[in-house]
N, C-alpha and C. Protein backbone atom coordinates (compact mmCIF):
# COMPACT_ATOMS: atom_id res chain seq x y z
N UNK A 1 149.76 62.86 146.85
CA UNK A 1 149.89 63.45 145.56
C UNK A 1 150.39 62.32 144.54
N UNK A 2 150.00 62.38 143.40
CA UNK A 2 150.34 61.45 142.35
C UNK A 2 151.57 61.95 141.59
N UNK A 3 152.58 61.10 141.51
CA UNK A 3 153.79 61.43 140.71
C UNK A 3 154.12 60.32 139.77
N UNK A 4 154.96 60.63 138.73
CA UNK A 4 155.32 59.72 137.71
C UNK A 4 156.78 59.77 137.45
N UNK A 5 157.50 58.58 137.41
CA UNK A 5 158.85 58.56 137.11
C UNK A 5 159.15 59.08 135.79
N UNK A 6 160.05 59.98 135.53
CA UNK A 6 160.35 60.56 134.23
C UNK A 6 160.95 59.50 133.24
N UNK A 7 161.61 58.50 133.76
CA UNK A 7 162.25 57.55 132.90
C UNK A 7 161.45 56.38 132.53
N UNK A 8 160.81 55.67 133.49
CA UNK A 8 160.07 54.46 133.20
C UNK A 8 158.53 54.67 133.26
N UNK A 9 158.12 55.80 133.63
CA UNK A 9 156.71 56.10 133.71
C UNK A 9 155.87 55.42 134.73
N UNK A 10 156.54 54.84 135.76
CA UNK A 10 155.88 54.22 136.85
C UNK A 10 155.12 55.31 137.70
N UNK A 11 153.94 55.09 138.11
CA UNK A 11 153.25 56.07 138.85
C UNK A 11 153.19 55.63 140.31
N UNK A 12 153.24 56.73 141.18
CA UNK A 12 153.29 56.57 142.66
C UNK A 12 152.30 57.55 143.31
N UNK A 13 151.68 57.10 144.39
CA UNK A 13 150.95 58.05 145.22
C UNK A 13 151.78 58.26 146.53
N UNK A 14 152.31 59.43 146.67
CA UNK A 14 153.20 59.70 147.82
C UNK A 14 152.77 61.03 148.56
N UNK A 15 153.32 61.13 149.72
CA UNK A 15 153.07 62.37 150.54
C UNK A 15 154.36 63.24 150.47
N UNK A 16 154.85 63.53 149.36
CA UNK A 16 156.09 64.26 149.23
C UNK A 16 155.70 65.70 148.92
N UNK A 17 156.51 66.67 149.48
CA UNK A 17 156.24 68.03 149.21
C UNK A 17 157.02 68.48 148.00
N UNK A 18 156.58 69.52 147.31
CA UNK A 18 157.22 70.00 146.14
C UNK A 18 158.69 70.30 146.41
N UNK A 19 159.60 69.95 145.50
CA UNK A 19 160.97 70.21 145.68
C UNK A 19 161.72 69.09 146.28
N UNK A 20 161.01 68.08 146.86
CA UNK A 20 161.68 66.95 147.50
C UNK A 20 162.27 66.06 146.42
N UNK A 21 163.31 65.32 146.74
CA UNK A 21 163.94 64.46 145.78
C UNK A 21 163.43 62.99 146.11
N UNK A 22 163.02 62.29 145.02
CA UNK A 22 162.54 60.91 145.15
C UNK A 22 163.24 60.03 144.22
N UNK A 23 163.21 58.69 144.53
CA UNK A 23 163.89 57.67 143.72
C UNK A 23 162.91 56.62 143.39
N UNK A 24 162.90 56.21 142.07
CA UNK A 24 161.99 55.15 141.58
C UNK A 24 162.40 53.85 142.07
N UNK A 25 161.45 53.09 142.51
CA UNK A 25 161.74 51.78 143.11
C UNK A 25 161.97 50.69 142.02
N UNK A 26 161.54 51.03 140.77
CA UNK A 26 161.67 50.07 139.65
C UNK A 26 162.97 50.29 138.89
N UNK A 27 163.27 51.51 138.48
CA UNK A 27 164.46 51.76 137.63
C UNK A 27 165.57 52.48 138.32
N UNK A 28 165.35 53.01 139.53
CA UNK A 28 166.33 53.72 140.33
C UNK A 28 166.52 55.16 139.90
N UNK A 29 165.79 55.69 138.97
CA UNK A 29 165.90 57.07 138.56
C UNK A 29 165.49 58.02 139.69
N UNK A 30 166.27 59.09 139.80
CA UNK A 30 165.97 60.07 140.89
C UNK A 30 165.53 61.44 140.22
N UNK A 31 164.47 61.99 140.80
CA UNK A 31 163.97 63.29 140.23
C UNK A 31 163.45 64.10 141.36
N UNK A 32 163.12 65.34 141.08
CA UNK A 32 162.57 66.28 141.98
C UNK A 32 161.04 66.46 141.77
N UNK A 33 160.31 66.37 142.83
CA UNK A 33 158.85 66.44 142.81
C UNK A 33 158.46 67.87 142.44
N UNK A 34 157.73 68.00 141.33
CA UNK A 34 157.29 69.34 140.92
C UNK A 34 156.02 69.76 141.67
N UNK A 35 155.89 71.08 141.73
CA UNK A 35 154.71 71.60 142.44
C UNK A 35 153.52 71.22 141.53
N UNK A 36 152.37 70.93 142.21
CA UNK A 36 151.14 70.60 141.46
C UNK A 36 150.67 71.83 140.70
N UNK A 37 150.27 71.50 139.49
CA UNK A 37 149.70 72.60 138.67
C UNK A 37 148.39 73.06 139.21
N UNK A 38 148.23 74.34 139.34
CA UNK A 38 146.98 74.91 139.85
C UNK A 38 146.20 75.54 138.65
N UNK A 39 144.98 75.26 138.61
CA UNK A 39 144.20 75.93 137.61
C UNK A 39 143.91 77.38 137.97
N UNK A 40 144.06 78.29 137.11
CA UNK A 40 143.82 79.63 137.30
C UNK A 40 142.38 79.88 137.58
N UNK A 41 142.00 80.32 138.78
CA UNK A 41 140.65 80.44 139.13
C UNK A 41 139.87 81.49 138.33
N UNK A 42 140.64 82.57 137.91
CA UNK A 42 140.01 83.56 137.02
C UNK A 42 139.63 82.96 135.66
N UNK A 43 140.47 82.14 135.06
CA UNK A 43 140.16 81.51 133.86
C UNK A 43 139.01 80.54 133.96
N UNK A 44 138.98 79.81 135.13
CA UNK A 44 137.90 78.86 135.34
C UNK A 44 136.62 79.68 135.40
N UNK A 45 136.58 80.77 136.12
CA UNK A 45 135.41 81.59 136.27
C UNK A 45 134.93 82.11 134.86
N UNK A 46 135.93 82.62 134.14
CA UNK A 46 135.65 83.16 132.86
C UNK A 46 135.08 82.06 131.90
N UNK A 47 135.68 80.91 131.87
CA UNK A 47 135.15 79.82 131.11
C UNK A 47 133.73 79.38 131.52
N UNK A 48 133.54 79.30 132.84
CA UNK A 48 132.11 78.99 133.31
C UNK A 48 131.07 80.05 132.84
N UNK A 49 131.56 81.29 132.98
CA UNK A 49 130.61 82.36 132.54
C UNK A 49 130.37 82.36 131.04
N UNK A 50 131.35 82.05 130.22
CA UNK A 50 131.13 81.91 128.76
C UNK A 50 130.18 80.73 128.48
N UNK A 51 130.34 79.66 129.21
CA UNK A 51 129.46 78.47 128.94
C UNK A 51 128.02 78.80 129.35
N UNK A 52 127.78 79.58 130.51
CA UNK A 52 126.49 80.00 130.88
C UNK A 52 125.90 80.96 129.88
N UNK A 53 126.62 81.91 129.46
CA UNK A 53 126.13 82.85 128.42
C UNK A 53 125.74 82.14 127.13
N UNK A 54 126.58 81.15 126.69
CA UNK A 54 126.25 80.41 125.54
C UNK A 54 124.98 79.63 125.68
N UNK A 55 124.76 79.04 126.85
CA UNK A 55 123.52 78.32 127.06
C UNK A 55 122.32 79.22 126.99
N UNK A 56 122.41 80.42 127.58
CA UNK A 56 121.35 81.39 127.52
C UNK A 56 121.02 81.78 126.14
N UNK A 57 122.02 82.10 125.35
CA UNK A 57 121.86 82.56 123.94
C UNK A 57 121.19 81.40 123.17
N UNK A 58 121.57 80.15 123.40
CA UNK A 58 121.04 79.00 122.72
C UNK A 58 119.56 78.88 123.07
N UNK A 59 119.19 79.00 124.32
CA UNK A 59 117.79 78.85 124.72
C UNK A 59 116.95 79.97 124.10
N UNK A 60 117.48 81.15 124.15
CA UNK A 60 116.70 82.26 123.56
C UNK A 60 116.52 82.07 122.09
N UNK A 61 117.59 81.63 121.39
CA UNK A 61 117.47 81.40 120.01
C UNK A 61 116.42 80.30 119.67
N UNK A 62 116.40 79.25 120.43
CA UNK A 62 115.47 78.13 120.22
C UNK A 62 114.01 78.59 120.48
N UNK A 63 113.80 79.44 121.54
CA UNK A 63 112.50 79.90 121.91
C UNK A 63 111.98 80.82 120.80
N UNK A 64 112.82 81.71 120.35
CA UNK A 64 112.35 82.65 119.26
C UNK A 64 112.15 81.92 117.97
N UNK A 65 112.96 80.99 117.69
CA UNK A 65 112.87 80.28 116.36
C UNK A 65 111.59 79.45 116.33
N UNK A 66 111.30 78.81 117.46
CA UNK A 66 110.13 77.82 117.41
C UNK A 66 108.96 78.36 118.15
N UNK A 67 108.79 79.66 118.27
CA UNK A 67 107.59 80.23 118.90
C UNK A 67 106.49 80.01 117.94
N UNK A 68 105.30 79.62 118.47
CA UNK A 68 104.21 79.46 117.53
C UNK A 68 103.76 80.71 116.94
N UNK A 69 103.55 80.72 115.60
CA UNK A 69 103.18 81.95 114.93
C UNK A 69 101.65 82.01 114.70
N UNK A 70 101.21 83.12 114.27
CA UNK A 70 99.76 83.31 113.97
C UNK A 70 99.30 82.28 112.93
N UNK A 71 100.16 81.92 111.98
CA UNK A 71 99.84 80.98 111.02
C UNK A 71 99.54 79.58 111.62
N UNK A 72 100.22 79.21 112.68
CA UNK A 72 99.96 78.01 113.38
C UNK A 72 98.62 77.94 114.03
N UNK A 73 98.17 79.13 114.56
CA UNK A 73 96.93 79.23 115.20
C UNK A 73 95.79 79.38 114.18
N UNK A 74 96.03 80.25 113.15
CA UNK A 74 95.00 80.49 112.11
C UNK A 74 95.63 80.20 110.79
N UNK A 75 95.60 78.91 110.35
CA UNK A 75 96.30 78.64 109.01
C UNK A 75 95.54 79.13 107.87
N UNK A 76 94.27 79.39 107.92
CA UNK A 76 93.45 79.86 106.77
C UNK A 76 92.96 81.24 107.18
N UNK A 77 92.91 82.10 106.11
CA UNK A 77 92.33 83.44 106.30
C UNK A 77 91.38 83.73 105.15
N UNK A 78 90.21 84.31 105.50
CA UNK A 78 89.13 84.59 104.51
C UNK A 78 88.99 86.11 104.52
N UNK A 79 88.97 86.66 103.32
CA UNK A 79 88.74 88.08 103.13
C UNK A 79 87.74 88.35 102.02
N UNK A 80 87.04 89.43 102.12
CA UNK A 80 86.12 89.84 101.07
C UNK A 80 86.88 90.67 99.99
N UNK A 81 86.58 90.34 98.79
CA UNK A 81 87.19 91.08 97.67
C UNK A 81 86.15 91.99 96.99
N UNK A 82 84.92 91.80 97.28
CA UNK A 82 83.89 92.60 96.61
C UNK A 82 82.44 92.21 96.89
N UNK A 83 81.54 93.01 96.54
CA UNK A 83 80.10 92.65 96.59
C UNK A 83 79.32 93.54 95.57
N UNK A 84 78.20 92.99 95.17
CA UNK A 84 77.36 93.71 94.27
C UNK A 84 75.93 93.31 94.46
N UNK A 85 75.04 94.20 94.05
CA UNK A 85 73.62 93.90 94.11
C UNK A 85 73.15 93.45 92.77
N UNK A 86 72.46 92.32 92.66
CA UNK A 86 71.89 91.81 91.42
C UNK A 86 70.40 91.62 91.55
N UNK A 87 69.73 91.63 90.52
CA UNK A 87 68.26 91.37 90.45
C UNK A 87 68.06 90.01 89.90
N UNK A 88 67.30 89.16 90.59
CA UNK A 88 67.05 87.83 90.11
C UNK A 88 65.87 87.80 89.13
N UNK A 89 65.59 86.63 88.63
CA UNK A 89 64.50 86.51 87.59
C UNK A 89 63.11 86.95 88.16
N UNK A 90 62.98 86.90 89.42
CA UNK A 90 61.65 87.31 90.07
C UNK A 90 61.65 88.81 90.35
N UNK A 91 62.71 89.54 90.09
CA UNK A 91 62.76 90.93 90.30
C UNK A 91 63.20 91.33 91.74
N UNK A 92 63.71 90.38 92.43
CA UNK A 92 64.17 90.64 93.89
C UNK A 92 65.65 91.02 93.82
N UNK A 93 66.01 92.04 94.50
CA UNK A 93 67.42 92.44 94.56
C UNK A 93 68.13 91.56 95.65
N UNK A 94 69.23 90.94 95.19
CA UNK A 94 70.00 90.16 96.19
C UNK A 94 71.46 90.57 96.15
N UNK A 95 72.14 90.24 97.28
CA UNK A 95 73.52 90.67 97.41
C UNK A 95 74.42 89.41 97.06
N UNK A 96 75.44 89.74 96.14
CA UNK A 96 76.46 88.71 95.83
C UNK A 96 77.71 89.15 96.45
N UNK A 97 78.27 88.31 97.22
CA UNK A 97 79.54 88.50 97.96
C UNK A 97 80.63 87.61 97.37
N UNK A 98 81.78 88.22 97.08
CA UNK A 98 82.91 87.48 96.64
C UNK A 98 84.17 87.72 97.52
N UNK A 99 84.96 86.73 97.53
CA UNK A 99 86.20 86.80 98.33
C UNK A 99 87.23 85.68 98.11
N UNK A 100 88.16 85.59 98.96
CA UNK A 100 89.15 84.47 98.80
C UNK A 100 89.59 83.97 100.13
N UNK A 101 89.96 82.68 100.15
CA UNK A 101 90.46 82.04 101.34
C UNK A 101 91.93 81.70 100.95
N UNK A 102 92.79 82.14 101.91
CA UNK A 102 94.29 81.89 101.70
C UNK A 102 94.82 80.95 102.69
N UNK A 103 95.54 79.93 102.24
CA UNK A 103 96.28 79.02 103.16
C UNK A 103 97.63 79.67 103.43
N UNK A 104 97.88 80.02 104.69
CA UNK A 104 99.06 80.80 105.10
C UNK A 104 100.17 79.85 105.56
N UNK A 105 100.00 78.53 105.40
CA UNK A 105 100.98 77.61 105.85
C UNK A 105 101.61 76.80 104.63
N UNK A 106 102.45 75.84 104.95
CA UNK A 106 103.06 74.96 104.02
C UNK A 106 102.44 73.50 104.02
N UNK A 107 101.20 73.52 104.57
CA UNK A 107 100.46 72.20 104.70
C UNK A 107 99.13 72.34 103.93
N UNK A 108 98.59 71.22 103.50
CA UNK A 108 97.32 71.24 102.87
C UNK A 108 96.21 71.33 103.96
N UNK A 109 95.19 72.20 103.78
CA UNK A 109 94.13 72.23 104.80
C UNK A 109 92.84 72.11 104.22
N UNK A 110 91.88 71.52 104.97
CA UNK A 110 90.49 71.41 104.57
C UNK A 110 89.82 72.73 104.82
N UNK A 111 88.92 73.13 103.92
CA UNK A 111 88.21 74.45 104.02
C UNK A 111 86.98 74.27 104.80
N UNK A 112 86.85 74.98 105.89
CA UNK A 112 85.55 74.95 106.70
C UNK A 112 84.50 75.76 106.02
N UNK A 113 83.26 75.77 106.54
CA UNK A 113 82.18 76.55 106.03
C UNK A 113 82.51 78.07 106.41
N UNK A 114 81.86 78.95 105.63
CA UNK A 114 82.03 80.40 105.84
C UNK A 114 80.73 80.99 106.36
N UNK A 115 80.82 82.06 107.08
CA UNK A 115 79.64 82.80 107.62
C UNK A 115 79.78 84.19 107.14
N UNK A 116 78.76 84.76 106.51
CA UNK A 116 78.74 86.15 106.22
C UNK A 116 77.86 86.91 107.19
N UNK A 117 78.41 88.06 107.68
CA UNK A 117 77.65 88.84 108.66
C UNK A 117 77.32 90.19 107.95
N UNK A 118 76.07 90.53 108.02
CA UNK A 118 75.67 91.86 107.54
C UNK A 118 75.35 92.71 108.75
N UNK A 119 75.92 93.94 108.77
CA UNK A 119 75.87 94.79 109.94
C UNK A 119 75.17 96.15 109.50
N UNK A 120 74.57 96.74 110.61
CA UNK A 120 73.98 98.10 110.33
C UNK A 120 75.03 99.20 110.74
N UNK A 121 74.61 100.44 110.69
CA UNK A 121 75.52 101.56 111.02
C UNK A 121 76.09 101.55 112.40
N UNK A 122 75.35 100.88 113.35
CA UNK A 122 75.84 100.79 114.71
C UNK A 122 76.74 99.53 115.00
N UNK A 123 76.94 98.73 113.97
CA UNK A 123 77.74 97.53 114.09
C UNK A 123 76.93 96.28 114.49
N UNK A 124 75.69 96.46 114.69
CA UNK A 124 74.79 95.29 115.09
C UNK A 124 74.62 94.34 113.87
N UNK A 125 74.51 93.09 114.15
CA UNK A 125 74.31 92.06 113.11
C UNK A 125 72.90 92.09 112.68
N UNK A 126 72.62 92.33 111.37
CA UNK A 126 71.27 92.35 110.78
C UNK A 126 70.90 90.91 110.35
N UNK A 127 71.93 90.28 109.65
CA UNK A 127 71.67 88.94 109.19
C UNK A 127 72.97 88.22 109.08
N UNK A 128 72.94 86.87 109.24
CA UNK A 128 74.03 86.02 108.97
C UNK A 128 73.63 84.90 108.00
N UNK A 129 74.54 84.45 107.25
CA UNK A 129 74.30 83.34 106.41
C UNK A 129 75.51 82.46 106.28
N UNK A 130 75.31 81.15 106.55
CA UNK A 130 76.45 80.15 106.52
C UNK A 130 76.31 79.53 105.16
N UNK A 131 77.57 79.30 104.57
CA UNK A 131 77.54 78.56 103.26
C UNK A 131 78.89 77.76 103.13
N UNK A 132 78.87 76.85 102.25
CA UNK A 132 80.10 76.05 102.04
C UNK A 132 80.75 76.46 100.74
N UNK A 133 82.03 76.79 100.85
CA UNK A 133 82.76 77.23 99.60
C UNK A 133 82.90 76.10 98.67
N UNK A 134 83.22 76.37 97.40
CA UNK A 134 83.35 75.38 96.41
C UNK A 134 84.61 74.44 96.59
N UNK A 135 85.72 75.00 97.19
CA UNK A 135 86.89 74.24 97.38
C UNK A 135 86.81 73.55 98.74
N UNK A 136 87.17 72.29 98.75
CA UNK A 136 87.14 71.48 99.98
C UNK A 136 88.59 71.44 100.67
N UNK A 137 89.60 71.52 99.77
CA UNK A 137 90.97 71.57 100.27
C UNK A 137 91.74 72.71 99.62
N UNK A 138 92.76 73.24 100.34
CA UNK A 138 93.58 74.29 99.75
C UNK A 138 95.02 73.77 99.93
N UNK A 139 95.71 73.81 98.82
CA UNK A 139 97.18 73.42 98.81
C UNK A 139 97.94 74.41 99.72
N UNK A 140 99.14 73.98 99.99
CA UNK A 140 100.05 74.84 100.81
C UNK A 140 100.32 76.20 100.08
N UNK A 141 100.07 77.26 100.81
CA UNK A 141 100.23 78.59 100.19
C UNK A 141 99.17 78.92 99.13
N UNK A 142 98.20 78.14 98.96
CA UNK A 142 97.20 78.35 97.90
C UNK A 142 96.08 79.33 98.31
N UNK A 143 95.34 79.66 97.26
CA UNK A 143 94.20 80.60 97.38
C UNK A 143 92.99 79.99 96.68
N UNK A 144 91.89 80.10 97.33
CA UNK A 144 90.61 79.63 96.77
C UNK A 144 89.57 80.83 96.74
N UNK A 145 88.98 81.07 95.63
CA UNK A 145 88.05 82.20 95.55
C UNK A 145 86.71 81.66 95.76
N UNK A 146 85.85 82.49 96.27
CA UNK A 146 84.36 82.13 96.48
C UNK A 146 83.49 83.27 96.06
N UNK A 147 82.28 82.89 95.67
CA UNK A 147 81.27 83.86 95.29
C UNK A 147 79.88 83.25 95.84
N UNK A 148 79.16 84.07 96.60
CA UNK A 148 77.91 83.62 97.21
C UNK A 148 76.79 84.56 97.01
N UNK A 149 75.62 84.07 96.62
CA UNK A 149 74.45 84.93 96.54
C UNK A 149 73.65 84.70 97.84
N UNK A 150 73.42 85.79 98.55
CA UNK A 150 72.68 85.66 99.78
C UNK A 150 71.23 85.44 99.45
N UNK A 151 70.59 84.55 100.29
CA UNK A 151 69.20 84.25 100.05
C UNK A 151 68.24 85.30 100.42
N UNK A 152 68.58 86.17 101.39
CA UNK A 152 67.74 87.25 101.80
C UNK A 152 67.75 88.36 100.90
N UNK A 153 66.66 89.06 100.64
CA UNK A 153 66.69 90.21 99.79
C UNK A 153 67.48 91.32 100.46
N UNK A 154 67.97 92.28 99.59
CA UNK A 154 68.82 93.37 100.07
C UNK A 154 67.92 94.41 100.80
N UNK A 155 68.47 94.85 101.92
CA UNK A 155 67.84 95.94 102.74
C UNK A 155 68.70 97.18 102.65
N UNK A 156 68.11 98.31 102.86
CA UNK A 156 68.85 99.57 102.71
C UNK A 156 69.73 99.90 103.94
N UNK A 157 69.53 99.17 105.02
CA UNK A 157 70.33 99.49 106.27
C UNK A 157 71.61 98.68 106.40
N UNK A 158 72.09 97.94 105.37
CA UNK A 158 73.33 97.26 105.44
C UNK A 158 74.42 98.24 105.31
N UNK A 159 75.36 98.36 106.23
CA UNK A 159 76.51 99.27 106.18
C UNK A 159 77.87 98.57 106.11
N UNK A 160 77.94 97.35 106.56
CA UNK A 160 79.24 96.61 106.46
C UNK A 160 78.94 95.14 106.30
N UNK A 161 79.88 94.48 105.66
CA UNK A 161 79.78 93.05 105.44
C UNK A 161 81.10 92.40 105.89
N UNK A 162 81.03 91.30 106.66
CA UNK A 162 82.26 90.60 107.17
C UNK A 162 82.01 89.16 106.78
N UNK A 163 83.14 88.47 106.68
CA UNK A 163 83.19 87.02 106.41
C UNK A 163 84.11 86.35 107.40
N UNK A 164 83.73 85.26 107.94
CA UNK A 164 84.58 84.47 108.96
C UNK A 164 84.50 83.02 108.55
N UNK A 165 85.63 82.34 108.83
CA UNK A 165 85.66 80.91 108.68
C UNK A 165 85.02 80.31 109.91
N UNK A 166 84.24 79.27 109.68
CA UNK A 166 83.56 78.64 110.75
C UNK A 166 84.39 77.49 111.32
N UNK A 167 85.16 77.79 112.35
CA UNK A 167 85.98 76.79 112.93
C UNK A 167 85.29 76.25 114.21
N UNK A 168 85.90 75.18 114.81
CA UNK A 168 85.38 74.64 116.02
C UNK A 168 85.27 75.65 117.19
N UNK A 169 86.34 76.51 117.21
CA UNK A 169 86.29 77.55 118.21
C UNK A 169 85.26 78.58 118.04
N UNK A 170 85.01 78.95 116.82
CA UNK A 170 83.92 79.97 116.63
C UNK A 170 82.56 79.41 116.73
N UNK A 171 82.37 78.08 116.55
CA UNK A 171 81.07 77.43 116.72
C UNK A 171 80.67 77.43 118.20
N UNK A 172 81.69 77.34 119.15
CA UNK A 172 81.39 77.26 120.57
C UNK A 172 80.99 78.60 121.17
N UNK A 173 81.25 79.71 120.47
CA UNK A 173 80.92 81.03 121.00
C UNK A 173 79.49 81.30 121.00
């Protein structure tokens, strides 16, 4: 056990039991060896448990805070805002589709091509048309509107119109 002289602070390693009287070889001071301090095992267990719980809370907070959001996966969103049928100079009825592209992030993004899908009452695709919107970049949180005249004449069996951004993932499908 390690003991220290109360007077001159000289340290000794001795095999003395608690309560034994010892004398310092340097200054001659005599003192009684105190019982070694024991750490309370309950307090040590409680402190360890608190540290473990704190680590778990920290990990959960980091995982929840930095979980990838839908915005990270799909930074741009395209929606239709309207459509109308117009007659061109040759007397052919054509469909004009309008909408907007929204940047859902705080970064600038390049705008990919858009694809318009015309569907019948059963949801089958009647026609598709790919086009490039007028905006090439959208600022952080920005919106770009588009309007496109479909080249095919209007047919009576069109029941729904969808628009999608043409991304690398959608091109592979």
